[in-house]
């Protein structure tokens, strides 16, 4: 079975762009898609500390092109990428810990795509603060999650351990940023603009016999126990 892992964070506009195409890519290539939400700030601290220095002393021409590139990609994909008040650069970095706790709940309830779409649109289109528990509660419930389960997940710091384990897994395998993709756990690709290469790599692999529905990580990929479904 072809396997595709998608490492992402809601704080990353490039992850949002990749998110809009990753499910169709998995379906088109008969690949089993494993969602791997992680904390980008923690990843940078462990594997790419130069990002902080770059943001502290930005190169104006590079920043200008960065936002132009972002705008061009958003137009191509038919989405809106705004400038959230809480987003990197000289502003306060988004703390996505609560959003990621909700993501683990959504993943365990098979609602990760709906939850992620709601959060990406809320943050990048509506410019809402995803560190606000009330906003997350509202978005998660609209995505189909139970109110009580969401409240419990957002208040559970133990879920941060699962996110940290995902970060450690990616770092151990050579990752340094998001979005990152792995084909069959070994072949790594970084960046929204590498999805064509991901497609080619998947199609180069024999499809094999299906071992589960697209969207559910295999036992070989899963790194932490699922939350109880009570």
Protein backbone atom coordinates (compact mmCIF):
# COMPACT_ATOMS: atom_id res chain seq x y z
CA UNK A 1 0.00 0.00 0.00
CA UNK A 2 1.37 3.40 -0.94
CA UNK A 3 1.73 5.54 2.16
CA UNK A 4 1.79 9.33 2.33
CA UNK A 5 2.48 11.29 5.52
CA UNK A 6 1.59 14.96 5.78
CA UNK A 7 3.26 17.00 8.54
CA UNK A 8 1.60 20.38 9.04
CA UNK A 9 0.69 23.22 11.40
CA UNK A 10 -2.16 25.73 11.24
CA UNK A 11 0.36 28.55 11.70
CA UNK A 12 1.87 27.77 8.28
CA UNK A 13 0.23 29.29 5.17
CA UNK A 14 2.16 26.83 3.02
CA UNK A 15 0.64 23.97 5.01
CA UNK A 16 -2.80 25.42 4.26
CA UNK A 17 -1.99 25.43 0.56
CA UNK A 18 -0.82 21.83 0.68
CA UNK A 19 -3.89 20.86 2.71
CA UNK A 20 -6.18 22.00 -0.10
CA UNK A 21 -4.64 19.39 -2.42
CA UNK A 22 -3.36 16.56 -0.26
CA UNK A 23 -6.58 14.52 -0.06
CA UNK A 24 -7.13 14.57 -3.81
CA UNK A 25 -3.50 13.61 -4.36
CA UNK A 26 -3.83 10.64 -2.01
CA UNK A 27 -7.03 9.52 -3.70
CA UNK A 28 -5.59 9.91 -7.21
CA UNK A 29 -2.54 7.82 -6.34
CA UNK A 30 -4.34 5.23 -4.19
CA UNK A 31 -2.19 6.23 -1.23
CA UNK A 32 -3.03 5.87 2.44
CA UNK A 33 -2.85 9.36 3.93
CA UNK A 34 -1.54 9.84 7.47
CA UNK A 35 -2.21 13.24 9.03
CA UNK A 36 0.70 14.39 11.24
CA UNK A 37 -0.16 17.69 13.00
CA UNK A 38 2.76 19.26 14.81
CA UNK A 39 3.93 22.43 16.51
CA UNK A 40 5.98 24.45 14.03
CA UNK A 41 7.53 26.64 16.74
CA UNK A 42 8.76 23.56 18.59
CA UNK A 43 10.08 22.10 15.34
CA UNK A 44 12.02 25.28 14.57
CA UNK A 45 13.48 25.35 18.08
CA UNK A 46 14.75 21.79 17.69
CA UNK A 47 15.79 21.62 14.05
CA UNK A 48 15.79 25.06 12.44
CA UNK A 49 16.72 27.77 14.99
CA UNK A 50 17.89 30.11 12.26
CA UNK A 51 14.27 30.99 11.50
CA UNK A 52 14.07 33.19 14.61
CA UNK A 53 17.20 35.12 13.62
CA UNK A 54 15.88 35.55 10.07
CA UNK A 55 12.60 36.95 11.38
CA UNK A 56 14.44 39.30 13.73
CA UNK A 57 16.50 40.78 10.87
CA UNK A 58 14.44 40.30 7.70
CA UNK A 59 15.71 41.13 4.23
CA UNK A 60 13.14 43.61 2.85
CA UNK A 61 13.34 42.44 -0.77
CA UNK A 62 12.97 38.81 0.29
CA UNK A 63 9.97 39.63 2.50
CA UNK A 64 8.31 41.46 -0.39
CA UNK A 65 8.79 38.49 -2.69
CA UNK A 66 7.65 36.09 0.05
CA UNK A 67 4.27 37.76 0.28
CA UNK A 68 3.97 38.03 -3.50
CA UNK A 69 4.68 34.31 -3.82
CA UNK A 70 2.09 33.59 -1.15
CA UNK A 71 -0.48 35.73 -2.96
CA UNK A 72 0.25 34.05 -6.31
CA UNK A 73 -0.20 30.58 -4.82
CA UNK A 74 -3.40 31.56 -3.04
CA UNK A 75 -4.83 32.88 -6.31
CA UNK A 76 -3.93 29.67 -8.12
CA UNK A 77 -5.55 27.53 -5.44
CA UNK A 78 -8.65 29.69 -5.07
CA UNK A 79 -8.13 30.46 -1.39
CA UNK A 80 -7.53 33.59 0.65
CA UNK A 81 -4.27 34.08 2.54
CA UNK A 82 -4.55 37.21 4.66
CA UNK A 83 -2.24 38.74 7.24
CA UNK A 84 -3.42 37.53 10.66
CA UNK A 85 -2.55 39.90 13.52
CA UNK A 86 -0.88 36.93 15.23
CA UNK A 87 1.55 35.63 12.62
CA UNK A 88 5.35 35.44 12.78
CA UNK A 89 7.54 38.19 11.44
CA UNK A 90 7.82 41.20 13.71
CA UNK A 91 4.45 40.36 15.29
CA UNK A 92 3.67 37.80 17.94
CA UNK A 93 3.99 34.20 16.74
CA UNK A 94 0.78 32.19 16.82
CA UNK A 95 0.71 29.72 19.70
CA UNK A 96 -0.98 26.76 18.02
CA UNK A 97 -0.85 24.38 20.99
CA UNK A 98 -4.59 24.50 21.70
CA UNK A 99 -5.46 24.18 18.02
CA UNK A 100 -3.23 21.10 17.83
CA UNK A 101 -4.87 19.53 20.88
CA UNK A 102 -8.13 19.90 19.04
CA UNK A 103 -6.54 18.39 15.94
CA UNK A 104 -5.65 15.24 17.86
CA UNK A 105 -9.22 14.93 19.06
CA UNK A 106 -10.47 15.43 15.49
CA UNK A 107 -7.95 12.88 14.21
CA UNK A 108 -9.12 10.30 16.74
CA UNK A 109 -12.75 10.98 15.76
CA UNK A 110 -12.05 10.80 11.98
CA UNK A 111 -12.92 14.49 11.61
CA UNK A 112 -9.47 15.92 11.00
CA UNK A 113 -10.14 17.20 7.43
CA UNK A 114 -13.30 19.09 8.45
CA UNK A 115 -11.65 20.48 11.58
CA UNK A 116 -8.54 21.57 9.69
CA UNK A 117 -10.50 23.25 6.92
CA UNK A 118 -12.47 25.22 9.51
CA UNK A 119 -9.30 26.34 11.29
CA UNK A 120 -7.34 27.23 8.18
CA UNK A 121 -10.20 29.36 6.85
CA UNK A 122 -10.77 31.00 10.22
CA UNK A 123 -7.13 31.94 10.64
CA UNK A 124 -6.03 32.87 7.13
CA UNK A 125 -9.31 34.17 5.68
CA UNK A 126 -11.18 35.53 8.71
CA UNK A 127 -8.00 36.45 10.64
CA UNK A 128 -9.21 34.90 13.89
CA UNK A 129 -6.84 34.05 16.73
CA UNK A 130 -6.49 30.28 16.98
CA UNK A 131 -5.02 30.63 20.47
CA UNK A 132 -8.46 31.71 21.71
CA UNK A 133 -10.19 28.72 23.39
CA UNK A 134 -13.66 30.15 22.73
CA UNK A 135 -12.96 30.49 19.02
CA UNK A 136 -11.54 26.97 18.85
CA UNK A 137 -14.53 25.56 20.70
CA UNK A 138 -16.89 27.17 18.23
CA UNK A 139 -14.95 26.01 15.18
CA UNK A 140 -14.49 22.47 16.46
CA UNK A 141 -18.19 22.03 17.24
CA UNK A 142 -19.12 23.31 13.78
CA UNK A 143 -16.72 20.69 12.35
CA UNK A 144 -18.73 17.97 14.08
CA UNK A 145 -16.95 17.46 17.41
CA UNK A 146 -18.87 17.23 20.67
CA UNK A 147 -18.70 20.31 22.89
CA UNK A 148 -17.69 18.42 26.03
CA UNK A 149 -14.99 16.44 24.22
CA UNK A 150 -13.52 19.62 22.75
CA UNK A 151 -13.46 21.35 26.13
CA UNK A 152 -11.67 18.36 27.66
CA UNK A 153 -9.11 18.16 24.86
CA UNK A 154 -8.28 21.87 24.93
CA UNK A 155 -7.63 21.61 28.66
CA UNK A 156 -5.48 18.48 28.42
CA UNK A 157 -1.72 19.30 28.38
CA UNK A 158 -0.94 15.59 28.01
CA UNK A 159 -1.89 15.93 24.35
CA UNK A 160 1.15 18.17 23.94
CA UNK A 161 3.26 15.05 24.47
CA UNK A 162 1.78 13.46 21.36
CA UNK A 163 2.52 16.60 19.35
CA UNK A 164 6.09 16.70 20.72
CA UNK A 165 6.54 13.04 19.76
CA UNK A 166 5.52 13.87 16.20
CA UNK A 167 8.06 16.70 16.15
CA UNK A 168 10.78 14.36 17.43
CA UNK A 169 9.84 11.78 14.80
CA UNK A 170 10.12 14.32 12.00
CA UNK A 171 13.43 15.72 13.28
CA UNK A 172 14.87 12.20 13.59
CA UNK A 173 13.99 11.59 9.95
CA UNK A 174 15.61 14.80 8.71
CA UNK A 175 12.68 17.21 8.76
CA UNK A 176 13.07 20.91 9.57
CA UNK A 177 9.87 22.66 8.51
CA UNK A 178 6.30 22.32 7.27
CA UNK A 179 4.66 21.21 5.15
CA UNK A 180 6.73 18.05 4.92
CA UNK A 181 5.69 14.87 3.14
CA UNK A 182 7.01 11.34 3.31
CA UNK A 183 6.37 8.66 0.75
CA UNK A 184 6.53 5.23 2.36
CA UNK A 185 8.31 6.72 5.40
CA UNK A 186 11.67 7.02 3.64
CA UNK A 187 11.35 9.54 0.81
CA UNK A 188 11.02 13.11 2.17
CA UNK A 189 9.75 16.21 0.36
CA UNK A 190 9.50 19.71 1.85
CA UNK A 191 7.26 22.53 0.70
CA UNK A 192 3.88 23.07 -0.92
CA UNK A 193 5.60 23.36 -4.30
CA UNK A 194 6.93 19.78 -4.08
CA UNK A 195 3.58 18.03 -4.38
CA UNK A 196 4.18 17.21 -8.05
CA UNK A 197 7.31 15.34 -6.99
CA UNK A 198 5.31 13.60 -4.26
CA UNK A 199 2.79 12.49 -6.87
CA UNK A 200 5.52 11.11 -9.12
CA UNK A 201 7.13 9.25 -6.23
CA UNK A 202 3.82 7.69 -5.21
CA UNK A 203 2.98 6.60 -8.74
CA UNK A 204 6.42 5.02 -9.06
CA UNK A 205 5.50 2.66 -6.24
CA UNK A 206 3.26 -0.38 -6.84
CA UNK A 207 -0.16 0.28 -5.30
CA UNK A 208 -0.40 -3.09 -3.56
CA UNK A 209 -3.53 -4.22 -1.80
CA UNK A 210 -5.48 -1.61 0.20
CA UNK A 211 -4.98 -1.94 3.94
CA UNK A 212 -7.36 0.78 5.12
CA UNK A 213 -9.25 3.88 4.09
CA UNK A 214 -7.50 7.02 2.96
CA UNK A 215 -7.04 9.30 5.96
CA UNK A 216 -6.24 6.69 8.61
CA UNK A 217 -2.56 6.16 9.47
CA UNK A 218 -1.28 2.61 9.35
CA UNK A 219 0.06 0.86 12.42
CA UNK A 220 3.57 1.39 11.10
CA UNK A 221 3.05 5.15 10.92
CA UNK A 222 1.03 5.76 14.08
CA UNK A 223 3.30 7.07 16.85
CA UNK A 224 0.94 7.47 19.78
CA UNK A 225 -2.22 5.89 21.19
CA UNK A 226 -5.58 7.21 20.14
CA UNK A 227 -7.79 9.06 22.59
CA UNK A 228 -10.73 7.10 24.03
CA UNK A 229 -13.88 7.43 21.95
CA UNK A 230 -16.11 7.92 24.97
